[in-house]
Protein backbone atom coordinates (compact mmCIF):
# COMPACT_ATOMS: atom_id res chain seq x y z
CA MET A 1 -44.54 16.24 22.83
CA ARG A 2 -42.11 15.36 25.62
CA PHE A 3 -40.66 12.62 23.40
CA THR A 4 -40.13 15.14 20.55
CA LYS A 5 -38.43 17.61 22.94
CA SER A 6 -36.19 14.74 24.20
CA VAL A 7 -35.16 13.80 20.69
CA VAL A 8 -34.34 17.40 19.85
CA ALA A 9 -32.32 17.72 23.08
CA VAL A 10 -30.32 14.54 22.36
CA PHE A 11 -29.71 15.63 18.74
CA ALA A 12 -28.41 19.02 19.99
CA LEU A 13 -26.06 17.31 22.43
CA LEU A 14 -24.70 14.95 19.74
CA THR A 15 -24.19 17.85 17.36
CA ALA A 16 -22.42 19.80 20.01
CA ALA A 17 -20.23 16.80 20.88
CA ASN A 18 -19.23 16.38 17.30
CA SER A 19 -18.35 20.04 16.86
CA PHE A 20 -16.07 19.81 19.91
CA ALA A 21 -14.31 16.88 18.28
CA GLN A 22 -13.32 19.15 15.43
CA GLU A 23 -10.86 22.02 15.67
CA GLN A 24 -10.42 24.79 13.12
CA LEU A 25 -6.82 25.37 12.08
CA GLU A 26 -5.69 28.29 9.93
CA ILE A 27 -3.11 27.78 7.15
CA ASP A 28 0.06 29.67 8.02
CA ALA A 29 1.02 31.14 4.66
CA GLY A 30 4.47 32.12 5.94
CA HIS A 31 5.36 28.44 6.50
CA SER A 32 3.39 26.92 3.56
CA ASN A 33 4.02 26.58 -0.14
CA VAL A 34 1.87 26.13 -3.29
CA ASN A 35 4.15 25.05 -6.10
CA PHE A 36 3.62 23.71 -9.62
CA THR A 37 5.68 22.18 -12.42
CA VAL A 38 4.92 21.85 -16.12
CA ARG A 39 6.82 20.49 -19.11
CA HIS A 40 8.35 23.14 -21.42
CA MET A 41 9.47 22.57 -25.04
CA VAL A 42 9.03 18.79 -24.34
CA VAL A 43 12.55 18.43 -23.06
CA ALA A 44 12.49 20.49 -19.87
CA LYS A 45 10.35 21.52 -16.87
CA VAL A 46 9.47 24.97 -15.54
CA SER A 47 8.42 25.46 -11.92
CA GLY A 48 6.49 28.22 -10.29
CA SER A 49 4.51 29.04 -7.15
CA PHE A 50 1.70 31.19 -5.78
CA SER A 51 2.71 33.66 -3.07
CA SER A 52 -0.77 34.70 -1.85
CA PHE A 53 -3.19 32.14 -0.42
CA SER A 54 -5.22 31.35 2.64
CA GLY A 55 -7.37 28.54 4.02
CA ALA A 56 -8.59 26.56 6.92
CA ILE A 57 -8.71 22.91 8.02
CA MET A 58 -11.46 21.46 10.18
CA TYR A 59 -9.35 18.84 11.96
CA ASP A 60 -10.96 15.86 13.66
CA GLU A 61 -8.27 14.35 15.86
CA LYS A 62 -10.18 11.12 16.51
CA ASP A 63 -11.23 10.45 12.90
CA MET A 64 -9.30 12.16 10.09
CA THR A 65 -11.94 11.15 7.59
CA LYS A 66 -14.30 13.62 9.25
CA SER A 67 -11.87 16.46 8.60
CA SER A 68 -12.15 19.03 5.78
CA VAL A 69 -10.13 21.71 4.05
CA ASN A 70 -10.82 24.91 2.14
CA VAL A 71 -8.11 26.79 0.30
CA ALA A 72 -8.21 30.03 -1.77
CA ILE A 73 -5.27 31.14 -3.95
CA LYS A 74 -4.89 34.51 -5.66
CA ALA A 75 -4.10 33.63 -9.30
CA LYS A 76 -2.39 37.01 -9.79
CA SER A 77 0.30 35.96 -7.28
CA VAL A 78 1.81 33.40 -9.74
CA ASN A 79 5.58 33.61 -9.76
CA THR A 80 7.99 31.73 -12.07
CA GLN A 81 10.94 34.11 -11.55
CA ASN A 82 10.39 35.61 -14.99
CA GLU A 83 8.30 38.79 -15.21
CA ARG A 84 7.42 38.50 -18.89
CA ARG A 85 6.23 34.89 -18.44
CA ASP A 86 4.31 35.73 -15.28
CA ASN A 87 2.43 38.54 -17.07
CA HIS A 88 1.58 36.06 -19.84
CA LEU A 89 0.31 33.55 -17.23
CA ARG A 90 -1.91 36.29 -15.70
CA GLY A 91 -3.49 37.08 -19.05
CA ALA A 92 -6.26 35.57 -21.10
CA ASP A 93 -4.11 32.76 -22.52
CA PHE A 94 -3.79 31.24 -19.08
CA PHE A 95 -5.36 32.34 -15.75
CA ASN A 96 -7.21 35.40 -16.98
CA VAL A 97 -6.86 36.97 -13.53
CA ASP A 98 -8.85 40.13 -14.30
CA THR A 99 -12.00 38.00 -14.63
CA ASP A 100 -11.14 34.87 -12.56
CA SER A 101 -9.03 36.09 -9.69
CA MET A 102 -9.18 33.02 -7.43
CA ILE A 103 -8.23 29.37 -7.55
CA THR A 104 -10.09 27.39 -4.87
CA PHE A 105 -10.30 23.91 -3.47
CA ALA A 106 -13.08 22.75 -1.13
CA SER A 107 -13.03 19.15 0.09
CA LYS A 108 -16.20 17.08 0.18
CA ALA A 109 -14.79 13.86 1.65
CA VAL A 110 -11.61 12.39 3.11
CA LYS A 111 -10.71 8.74 3.04
CA LYS A 112 -7.76 6.64 4.25
CA SER A 113 -5.43 5.35 1.55
CA GLY A 114 -2.35 3.38 2.56
CA ASP A 115 -0.09 5.43 4.80
CA GLY A 116 -1.96 8.60 3.88
CA TYR A 117 -5.32 9.97 2.85
CA ILE A 118 -7.23 11.21 -0.23
CA ALA A 119 -9.28 14.40 -0.12
CA THR A 120 -12.07 14.45 -2.73
CA GLY A 121 -13.27 17.95 -3.50
CA ASP A 122 -14.04 20.71 -5.98
CA LEU A 123 -11.10 22.44 -7.65
CA THR A 124 -11.98 25.69 -9.39
CA ILE A 125 -9.60 27.29 -11.88
CA ARG A 126 -10.53 30.11 -14.27
CA GLY A 127 -14.22 29.73 -13.25
CA THR A 128 -14.39 26.04 -14.11
CA THR A 129 -15.03 23.54 -11.32
CA LYS A 130 -14.05 19.88 -11.46
CA THR A 131 -14.10 17.20 -8.75
CA VAL A 132 -10.63 15.87 -8.08
CA GLU A 133 -8.95 13.40 -5.73
CA MET A 134 -5.95 14.91 -3.92
CA PRO A 135 -3.65 12.45 -2.06
CA PHE A 136 -2.02 13.84 1.05
CA GLN A 137 0.06 12.80 4.04
CA ILE A 138 0.18 14.23 7.55
CA LEU A 139 3.79 15.21 8.23
CA GLY A 140 3.10 15.66 11.93
CA VAL A 141 0.83 16.99 14.62
CA ARG A 142 2.03 18.84 17.69
CA LYS A 143 -0.01 20.15 20.61
CA ASP A 144 1.10 22.56 23.26
CA ALA A 145 -0.30 25.35 25.42
CA ARG A 146 -0.91 27.53 22.37
CA GLY A 147 -2.98 24.89 20.52
CA THR A 148 -2.44 22.51 17.63
CA ASN A 149 0.17 22.68 14.88
CA MET A 150 -0.16 20.35 11.87
CA GLY A 151 1.93 19.70 8.74
CA ILE A 152 0.45 18.31 5.55
CA GLU A 153 1.90 17.52 2.14
CA ALA A 154 -0.33 17.03 -0.90
CA MET A 155 0.28 16.32 -4.61
CA LEU A 156 -2.03 16.53 -7.57
CA THR A 157 -1.66 16.45 -11.37
CA VAL A 158 -4.31 18.23 -13.42
CA ASP A 159 -4.91 18.70 -17.16
CA ARG A 160 -4.93 22.45 -17.63
CA PHE A 161 -7.17 22.09 -20.71
CA ASP A 162 -9.90 20.80 -18.42
CA TYR A 163 -10.03 24.25 -16.82
CA GLY A 164 -9.90 26.37 -19.94
CA VAL A 165 -6.21 27.12 -19.49
CA SER A 166 -5.76 26.11 -23.11
CA TRP A 167 -2.95 28.12 -24.69
CA LYS A 168 -1.74 25.56 -27.20
CA ASN A 169 1.10 27.07 -29.29
CA ALA A 170 3.11 24.20 -30.68
CA LEU A 171 6.55 23.38 -32.06
CA ASP A 172 7.16 22.39 -35.67
CA ASP A 173 6.41 18.72 -34.92
CA GLY A 174 3.10 19.61 -33.26
CA SER A 175 4.28 19.15 -29.68
CA LEU A 176 3.01 21.74 -27.16
CA ILE A 177 5.40 24.38 -26.03
CA VAL A 178 3.75 24.23 -22.61
CA GLY A 179 2.56 20.76 -21.53
CA LYS A 180 -1.05 19.94 -20.67
CA ASP A 181 -0.34 18.15 -17.38
CA VAL A 182 0.52 20.37 -14.39
CA GLN A 183 1.87 18.83 -11.26
CA ILE A 184 0.84 20.74 -8.09
CA ASN A 185 2.74 20.22 -4.82
CA ILE A 186 1.36 21.75 -1.60
CA THR A 187 3.05 21.77 1.78
CA VAL A 188 0.95 23.29 4.54
CA GLU A 189 1.51 24.25 8.14
CA ALA A 190 -1.79 24.88 9.89
CA LYS A 191 -2.32 25.94 13.43
CA THR A 192 -4.81 27.08 16.02
CA PRO A 193 -5.69 30.75 15.30
CA ARG A 194 -3.86 33.09 17.62
CA LYS A 195 -5.97 35.36 19.77
CA ARG A 196 -5.85 38.92 18.41
């Protein structure tokens, strides 16, 4: 009985120690960007962004591979600087925001890769979830009296057809007006939550 209690006590201490090693950082949307680029009419590219998103990073200073990230993006906030196109993107041909309002990413593992890292996790778009590998780099980490401030840049290319974003109108030669591959570029500034 005493042995069992001792084991439980040690386990509790180890768990507590591990939680202290991790720090929760909130994504500062005002200093972060979620951008995307897709081919248009074969010969050009169109870029856009999402203006409304939030998320948190569990940052392990001693071992980045023990860190994690969760991000939620409001699909309705898509912006390509063209109102007619944005309304089309919000509709059933693309994001179908009235039914599937959120795009989310939740990491399951982080591993070192060269000068950066790769976050493996679940990306959900239009209600469809796929496991993806998202390469990222740490731009910098700064600590001061107010807490931790971290910068991260990540890039990912996805096939929109995999997520049911399958509008496929084509040109006379059969080429898609809007390409299948979408390049996503994310720059994040995350920081220790300010006391409210």
